[in-house]
Amino acid sequence: MTDDSRAECIKWASLAGIVVQNSSLFVVTRYSRTPDEYGALYLTSVVVLVVELCKMTICLAILFADGPDRFVAGLRQHIWVERSETVKLGVPALCYAIQNNLVFLAISNLSAAAAQVLYQTKTMSTALFTVALLGRSFQPIQWASFATLSLGVVLVQSQDAKSSASPTGANPMLGVFAALSAAMLSGFAGVYLERMFTSGASSLWMRNVQLCLFAIPLQVVAIGQFDLAAVQSGGLLQGFQSSTWAVVAVQVAGALLTAFVIKFAGNVLKTFATVLALLCTCLVSTCLFDFTPTLLFGCGVAITALSIAMYASPTLHPRLAGSPLAKKPTADDEEGQPLVARSSR
């Protein structure tokens, strides 16, 4: 197999994986939010911590594969010698720590399909921060996509308040706020990371390690602040069951797959893969969660998907090849996930 054909296989395999990961993340997380046989419900803050620990372990293992000497030298160079660059990673790490917890909050108060749709506004928040922080510009059709997205969000929000798929005792408005806030943080952190990626030589794996150096302590602080009493009474892994570990696996897989998508596929294909994942989430939610989409909700999903397609459309025309989307893909896809991330990361 030639290098070109191998790269093509990796591209489509990673895109297929991203579709599965994006759609399964919201569905698996929604399914996992049920008490275990002892009536205990896992702590979402602990899940985020476990995901970060797994991500760091895997990334360190990949870096170690280059050899012990290069591994040690690389860590010393990128973490200690260039510590001023490492410190800058504290900003997106804080954003991602908050974002990952907001995603869980959104899924706990919305249907899986609605949480997925609303979280896709991260594409638009990325566009706004790209203009504000990187000084790039967009085509008129891309600006029109912002208004289109707003309409889709309104339709989804109004329908979800009536949806039987929302958890018992859920607060739909709180879920909407959490999903949109997570999307906004995702956009800012992604653009911030993009600026750092274009100005440094660190690999995606090393960047993930640098992020985890801040994300893990921040998440430990979050657990101590919000769930310390629960941890003391029920233990750190209370409520963990097979579905919980499935959530962890999906979040970690999303972080690793994104690295391949950024390298081999690019932003346009990633955008359409995200739209396909959105539609898959709605389909699976109908089967698993007794979610009954109405015409109103369907219109909201369709309009949201259309807005994302409009946002990416300039890259489909050679005369618009100078569009920001034709450039290097943004690092917003680097969460994971947050981590989604990581991932709703």
Protein backbone atom coordinates (compact mmCIF):
# COMPACT_ATOMS: atom_id res chain seq x y z
CA MET A 1 0.00 0.00 0.00
CA THR A 2 1.41 3.41 -1.01
CA ASP A 3 1.71 6.34 1.37
CA ASP A 4 -1.12 8.17 -0.41
CA SER A 5 -3.52 5.23 -0.21
CA ARG A 6 -2.59 4.65 3.42
CA ALA A 7 -3.31 8.30 4.21
CA GLU A 8 -6.64 8.03 2.38
CA CYS A 9 -7.62 4.98 4.42
CA ILE A 10 -6.67 6.72 7.66
CA LYS A 11 -8.66 9.79 6.62
CA TRP A 12 -11.93 7.96 5.97
CA ALA A 13 -11.47 5.57 8.90
CA SER A 14 -10.90 8.49 11.28
CA LEU A 15 -13.91 10.35 9.88
CA ALA A 16 -16.10 7.28 10.35
CA GLY A 17 -14.79 7.00 13.88
CA ILE A 18 -15.60 10.66 14.60
CA VAL A 19 -19.19 10.15 13.37
CA VAL A 20 -19.61 7.18 15.71
CA GLN A 21 -17.90 8.96 18.60
CA ASN A 22 -19.85 12.21 18.30
CA SER A 23 -23.23 10.51 18.01
CA SER A 24 -22.55 7.85 20.65
CA LEU A 25 -21.16 10.29 23.22
CA PHE A 26 -24.48 12.00 23.90
CA VAL A 27 -26.48 8.77 23.66
CA VAL A 28 -24.15 6.71 25.89
CA THR A 29 -23.90 9.50 28.47
CA ARG A 30 -27.66 9.94 28.53
CA TYR A 31 -28.11 6.16 28.95
CA SER A 32 -25.53 6.03 31.74
CA ARG A 33 -27.29 8.62 33.91
CA THR A 34 -29.23 6.00 35.84
CA PRO A 35 -28.49 4.77 39.40
CA ASP A 36 -26.69 1.47 39.90
CA GLU A 37 -28.14 -1.51 41.79
CA TYR A 38 -27.40 0.24 45.10
CA GLY A 39 -29.17 3.42 44.06
CA ALA A 40 -25.94 5.40 43.62
CA LEU A 41 -25.40 7.72 40.65
CA TYR A 42 -21.86 8.35 39.46
CA LEU A 43 -20.35 11.79 39.93
CA THR A 44 -19.85 13.56 36.61
CA SER A 45 -16.90 15.49 38.01
CA VAL A 46 -15.14 12.21 38.76
CA VAL A 47 -15.81 10.93 35.24
CA VAL A 48 -14.15 14.04 33.79
CA LEU A 49 -11.12 13.44 36.03
CA VAL A 50 -10.87 9.79 34.95
CA VAL A 51 -11.06 10.84 31.28
CA GLU A 52 -8.22 13.34 31.75
CA LEU A 53 -6.08 10.74 33.52
CA CYS A 54 -6.68 8.22 30.72
CA LYS A 55 -5.90 10.81 28.05
CA MET A 56 -2.62 11.77 29.70
CA THR A 57 -1.60 8.13 30.15
CA ILE A 58 -2.26 7.29 26.50
CA CYS A 59 -0.51 10.40 25.18
CA LEU A 60 2.52 9.73 27.38
CA ALA A 61 2.60 6.14 26.11
CA ILE A 62 2.54 7.35 22.49
CA LEU A 63 5.37 9.78 23.17
CA PHE A 64 7.33 7.06 24.98
CA ALA A 65 7.08 4.89 21.86
CA ASP A 66 9.73 7.14 20.26
CA GLY A 67 12.23 5.87 22.80
CA PRO A 68 13.06 6.62 26.44
CA ASP A 69 15.77 9.17 25.62
CA ARG A 70 13.63 11.19 23.22
CA PHE A 71 10.69 10.88 25.61
CA VAL A 72 12.59 12.40 28.53
CA ALA A 73 14.25 15.05 26.36
CA GLY A 74 10.92 16.01 24.81
CA LEU A 75 9.19 16.39 28.17
CA ARG A 76 12.06 18.47 29.52
CA GLN A 77 12.13 20.72 26.45
CA HIS A 78 8.39 21.30 26.01
CA ILE A 79 7.33 21.39 29.66
CA TRP A 80 10.27 22.87 31.57
CA VAL A 81 12.59 24.71 29.14
CA GLU A 82 9.62 26.21 27.31
CA ARG A 83 7.60 26.56 30.50
CA SER A 84 6.30 29.99 29.47
CA GLU A 85 4.45 28.25 26.62
CA THR A 86 3.26 25.52 28.95
CA VAL A 87 1.78 28.06 31.36
CA LYS A 88 -0.31 29.52 28.53
CA LEU A 89 -2.08 26.17 28.26
CA GLY A 90 -3.66 26.87 31.62
CA VAL A 91 -6.23 29.13 29.94
CA PRO A 92 -7.79 26.53 27.60
CA ALA A 93 -7.36 23.87 30.29
CA LEU A 94 -9.59 25.89 32.60
CA CYS A 95 -12.10 26.40 29.78
CA TYR A 96 -12.18 22.69 28.95
CA ALA A 97 -12.53 21.70 32.61
CA ILE A 98 -15.62 23.90 32.91
CA GLN A 99 -16.92 22.87 29.49
CA ASN A 100 -16.79 19.13 30.18
CA ASN A 101 -18.81 19.53 33.34
CA LEU A 102 -21.32 21.74 31.52
CA VAL A 103 -21.82 19.05 28.87
CA PHE A 104 -22.81 16.55 31.57
CA LEU A 105 -25.13 19.14 33.09
CA ALA A 106 -26.76 19.73 29.71
CA ILE A 107 -27.30 16.03 29.04
CA SER A 108 -28.77 15.56 32.52
CA ASN A 109 -31.42 18.21 31.80
CA LEU A 110 -32.11 17.75 28.06
CA SER A 111 -32.79 14.94 25.65
CA ALA A 112 -29.66 13.52 24.01
CA ALA A 113 -30.72 14.88 20.62
CA ALA A 114 -31.36 18.42 21.90
CA ALA A 115 -28.07 18.53 23.82
CA GLN A 116 -26.20 17.44 20.68
CA VAL A 117 -27.91 20.05 18.49
CA LEU A 118 -27.34 22.92 20.91
CA TYR A 119 -23.72 21.94 21.48
CA GLN A 120 -23.09 22.29 17.74
CA THR A 121 -23.17 26.07 18.20
CA LYS A 122 -19.49 25.59 19.05
CA THR A 123 -18.90 25.80 15.29
CA MET A 124 -20.32 29.32 15.25
CA SER A 125 -18.64 30.44 18.46
CA THR A 126 -15.38 29.28 16.90
CA ALA A 127 -16.10 31.54 13.92
CA LEU A 128 -16.75 34.56 16.12
CA PHE A 129 -13.59 34.05 18.17
CA THR A 130 -11.61 33.46 14.97
CA VAL A 131 -12.59 36.97 13.85
CA ALA A 132 -11.96 38.49 17.26
CA LEU A 133 -8.68 36.75 18.16
CA LEU A 134 -7.11 35.83 14.81
CA GLY A 135 -8.38 38.71 12.67
CA ARG A 136 -9.79 36.53 9.90
CA SER A 137 -12.89 37.29 7.83
CA PHE A 138 -15.83 35.25 6.54
CA GLN A 139 -17.98 35.13 3.43
CA PRO A 140 -21.54 36.58 3.54
CA ILE A 141 -23.09 33.11 3.41
CA GLN A 142 -21.16 32.19 6.54
CA TRP A 143 -22.49 35.21 8.41
CA ALA A 144 -25.98 34.27 7.23
CA SER A 145 -25.44 30.86 8.78
CA PHE A 146 -25.29 32.50 12.23
CA ALA A 147 -28.90 33.74 11.91
CA THR A 148 -29.96 30.35 10.54
CA LEU A 149 -28.40 28.61 13.51
CA SER A 150 -30.20 30.91 15.94
CA LEU A 151 -33.54 29.93 14.43
CA GLY A 152 -32.69 26.24 14.72
CA VAL A 153 -31.70 26.65 18.38
CA VAL A 154 -34.98 28.42 19.17
CA LEU A 155 -37.00 25.61 17.58
CA VAL A 156 -35.07 22.90 19.41
CA GLN A 157 -35.34 24.71 22.74
CA SER A 158 -39.10 25.24 22.47
CA GLN A 159 -39.69 21.60 21.59
CA ASP A 160 -37.39 20.11 24.21
CA ALA A 161 -39.41 21.68 27.01
CA LYS A 162 -42.24 19.37 25.90
CA SER A 163 -40.10 16.31 25.18
CA SER A 164 -40.78 13.15 27.12
CA ALA A 165 -37.12 12.20 26.67
CA SER A 166 -35.84 14.72 29.20
CA PRO A 167 -34.93 13.16 32.57
CA THR A 168 -37.44 13.29 35.41
CA GLY A 169 -37.14 16.55 37.33
CA ALA A 170 -34.97 18.08 34.62
CA ASN A 171 -34.69 21.81 34.04
CA PRO A 172 -34.66 22.36 30.23
CA MET A 173 -33.65 26.01 30.52
CA LEU A 174 -30.67 25.08 32.69
CA GLY A 175 -29.73 22.41 30.16
CA VAL A 176 -29.90 24.93 27.29
CA PHE A 177 -27.74 27.41 29.21
CA ALA A 178 -25.19 24.68 30.01
CA ALA A 179 -25.01 23.45 26.40
CA LEU A 180 -24.62 26.94 24.92
CA SER A 181 -22.05 27.92 27.56
CA ALA A 182 -20.05 24.76 26.83
CA ALA A 183 -20.17 25.59 23.13
CA MET A 184 -18.93 29.13 23.76
CA LEU A 185 -16.03 27.93 25.92
CA SER A 186 -15.20 25.32 23.30
CA GLY A 187 -14.98 27.99 20.60
CA PHE A 188 -12.75 30.28 22.64
CA ALA A 189 -10.42 27.53 23.83
CA GLY A 190 -10.17 26.08 20.33
CA VAL A 191 -9.15 29.36 18.71
CA TYR A 192 -6.74 30.09 21.56
CA LEU A 193 -5.11 26.70 21.00
CA GLU A 194 -5.00 27.23 17.24
CA ARG A 195 -2.97 30.39 17.77
CA MET A 196 -0.58 28.42 19.98
CA PHE A 197 -0.34 25.49 17.56
CA THR A 198 0.64 27.75 14.67
CA SER A 199 3.38 29.40 16.74
CA GLY A 200 5.00 26.30 18.23
CA ALA A 201 6.46 22.95 17.20
CA SER A 202 4.85 20.72 19.83
CA SER A 203 2.90 17.69 18.63
CA LEU A 204 -0.77 17.14 19.40
CA TRP A 205 0.22 14.46 21.89
CA MET A 206 2.57 16.82 23.72
CA ARG A 207 -0.07 19.57 23.73
CA ASN A 208 -2.51 17.13 25.31
CA VAL A 209 0.04 16.32 28.01
CA GLN A 210 0.56 20.03 28.67
CA LEU A 211 -3.20 20.56 28.90
CA CYS A 212 -3.60 17.65 31.29
CA LEU A 213 -0.97 19.12 33.62
CA PHE A 214 -3.47 21.90 34.30
CA ALA A 215 -6.76 20.09 33.66
CA ILE A 216 -6.18 17.30 36.20
CA PRO A 217 -5.44 19.59 39.20
CA LEU A 218 -8.31 21.87 38.20
CA GLN A 219 -10.69 18.92 38.11
CA VAL A 220 -9.48 17.71 41.50
CA VAL A 221 -10.28 21.17 42.85
CA ALA A 222 -13.73 20.99 41.24
CA ILE A 223 -14.41 17.63 42.92
CA GLY A 224 -13.30 19.02 46.27
CA GLN A 225 -15.50 22.07 45.87
CA PHE A 226 -18.71 20.48 44.63
CA ASP A 227 -18.61 16.76 45.47
CA LEU A 228 -16.34 16.37 48.48
CA ALA A 229 -19.14 15.28 50.82
CA ALA A 230 -20.44 12.75 48.29
CA VAL A 231 -16.95 11.31 47.76
CA GLN A 232 -16.36 11.00 51.50
CA SER A 233 -19.64 9.17 52.02
CA GLY A 234 -19.80 6.97 48.92
CA GLY A 235 -16.28 6.82 47.54
CA LEU A 236 -14.66 8.29 44.45
CA LEU A 237 -16.02 5.69 42.02
CA GLN A 238 -19.51 5.41 43.49
CA GLY A 239 -22.17 4.61 40.92
CA PHE A 240 -19.62 3.49 38.32
CA GLN A 241 -20.92 0.69 36.14
CA SER A 242 -20.25 -0.62 32.65
CA SER A 243 -22.13 2.24 30.99
CA THR A 244 -20.03 4.74 32.93
CA TRP A 245 -16.80 3.22 31.68
CA ALA A 246 -18.30 3.31 28.19
CA VAL A 247 -18.67 7.08 28.57
CA VAL A 248 -15.01 7.32 29.61
CA ALA A 249 -13.92 5.22 26.62
CA VAL A 250 -15.96 7.31 24.16
CA GLN A 251 -14.54 10.57 25.54
CA VAL A 252 -10.95 9.34 25.36
CA ALA A 253 -11.44 7.88 21.89
CA GLY A 254 -12.80 11.19 20.67
CA ALA A 255 -9.66 13.01 21.79
CA LEU A 256 -7.39 10.56 19.97
CA LEU A 257 -9.50 10.38 16.80
CA THR A 258 -9.59 14.14 16.50
CA ALA A 259 -5.81 14.26 16.16
CA PHE A 260 -6.03 12.01 13.09
CA VAL A 261 -8.93 13.96 11.60
CA ILE A 262 -7.03 17.25 11.94
CA LYS A 263 -4.00 15.75 10.19
CA PHE A 264 -5.56 13.63 7.44
CA ALA A 265 -9.07 15.01 6.74
CA GLY A 266 -9.35 18.71 7.50
CA ASN A 267 -12.13 20.92 8.75
CA VAL A 268 -14.67 20.66 5.92
CA LEU A 269 -15.04 16.87 6.11
CA LYS A 270 -14.99 17.10 9.89
CA THR A 271 -17.91 19.55 9.72
CA PHE A 272 -20.04 17.25 7.60
CA ALA A 273 -19.13 14.30 9.80
CA THR A 274 -20.41 16.32 12.75
CA VAL A 275 -23.70 16.98 10.97
CA LEU A 276 -24.09 13.27 10.21
CA ALA A 277 -23.39 12.49 13.87
CA LEU A 278 -26.10 14.95 14.87
CA LEU A 279 -28.67 13.16 12.72
CA CYS A 280 -27.51 9.77 14.01
CA THR A 281 -28.05 10.98 17.58
CA CYS A 282 -31.65 11.88 16.81
CA LEU A 283 -32.25 8.48 15.20
CA VAL A 284 -30.71 6.48 18.04
CA SER A 285 -32.52 8.58 20.67
CA THR A 286 -35.81 7.64 19.05
CA CYS A 287 -35.05 3.95 19.55
CA LEU A 288 -33.38 3.98 22.99
CA PHE A 289 -35.01 6.79 24.97
CA ASP A 290 -38.61 6.81 23.75
CA PHE A 291 -37.86 10.18 22.17
CA THR A 292 -40.65 11.17 19.78
CA PRO A 293 -39.46 13.98 17.49
CA THR A 294 -42.20 16.27 16.21
CA LEU A 295 -42.24 18.33 13.06
CA LEU A 296 -41.11 21.35 15.08
CA PHE A 297 -38.10 19.54 16.50
CA GLY A 298 -37.29 18.06 13.09
CA CYS A 299 -37.26 21.52 11.56
CA GLY A 300 -34.92 22.71 14.29
CA VAL A 301 -32.49 19.86 13.61
CA ALA A 302 -32.66 20.42 9.85
CA ILE A 303 -32.09 24.16 10.14
CA THR A 304 -29.17 23.65 12.51
CA ALA A 305 -27.60 21.16 10.11
CA LEU A 306 -28.18 23.58 7.22
CA SER A 307 -26.44 26.38 9.11
CA ILE A 308 -23.34 24.22 9.63
CA ALA A 309 -23.31 23.31 5.93
CA MET A 310 -23.64 26.99 5.00
CA TYR A 311 -20.72 27.80 7.27
CA ALA A 312 -18.50 25.32 5.41
CA SER A 313 -19.84 25.93 1.87
CA PRO A 314 -17.25 28.50 0.68
CA THR A 315 -14.54 25.81 0.67
CA LEU A 316 -16.57 23.88 -1.90
CA HIS A 317 -15.91 26.58 -4.51
CA PRO A 318 -12.37 27.17 -5.83
CA ARG A 319 -12.93 30.92 -6.19
CA LEU A 320 -13.41 31.13 -2.43
CA ALA A 321 -10.35 29.12 -1.54
CA GLY A 322 -9.09 32.01 0.53
CA SER A 323 -11.87 31.49 3.06
CA PRO A 324 -10.78 30.82 6.65
CA LEU A 325 -12.26 27.36 6.43
CA ALA A 326 -9.92 26.51 3.58
CA LYS A 327 -7.02 27.10 5.91
CA LYS A 328 -5.60 24.87 8.56
CA PRO A 329 -8.41 23.35 10.66
CA THR A 330 -9.04 24.98 14.00
CA ALA A 331 -7.94 23.44 17.24
CA ASP A 332 -11.52 23.52 18.54
CA ASP A 333 -11.61 19.86 17.54
CA GLU A 334 -8.76 19.14 19.96
CA GLU A 335 -11.22 18.54 23.24
CA GLY A 336 -11.60 15.96 23.56
CA GLN A 337 -13.56 16.50 23.96
CA PRO A 338 -14.43 18.12 25.90
CA LEU A 339 -11.46 16.57 25.94
CA VAL A 340 -15.36 16.77 25.34
CA ALA A 341 -13.77 17.28 26.19
CA ARG A 342 -14.01 15.82 24.63
CA SER A 343 -16.96 14.36 24.09
CA SER A 344 -20.77 15.98 24.33
CA ARG A 345 -14.64 15.54 24.81
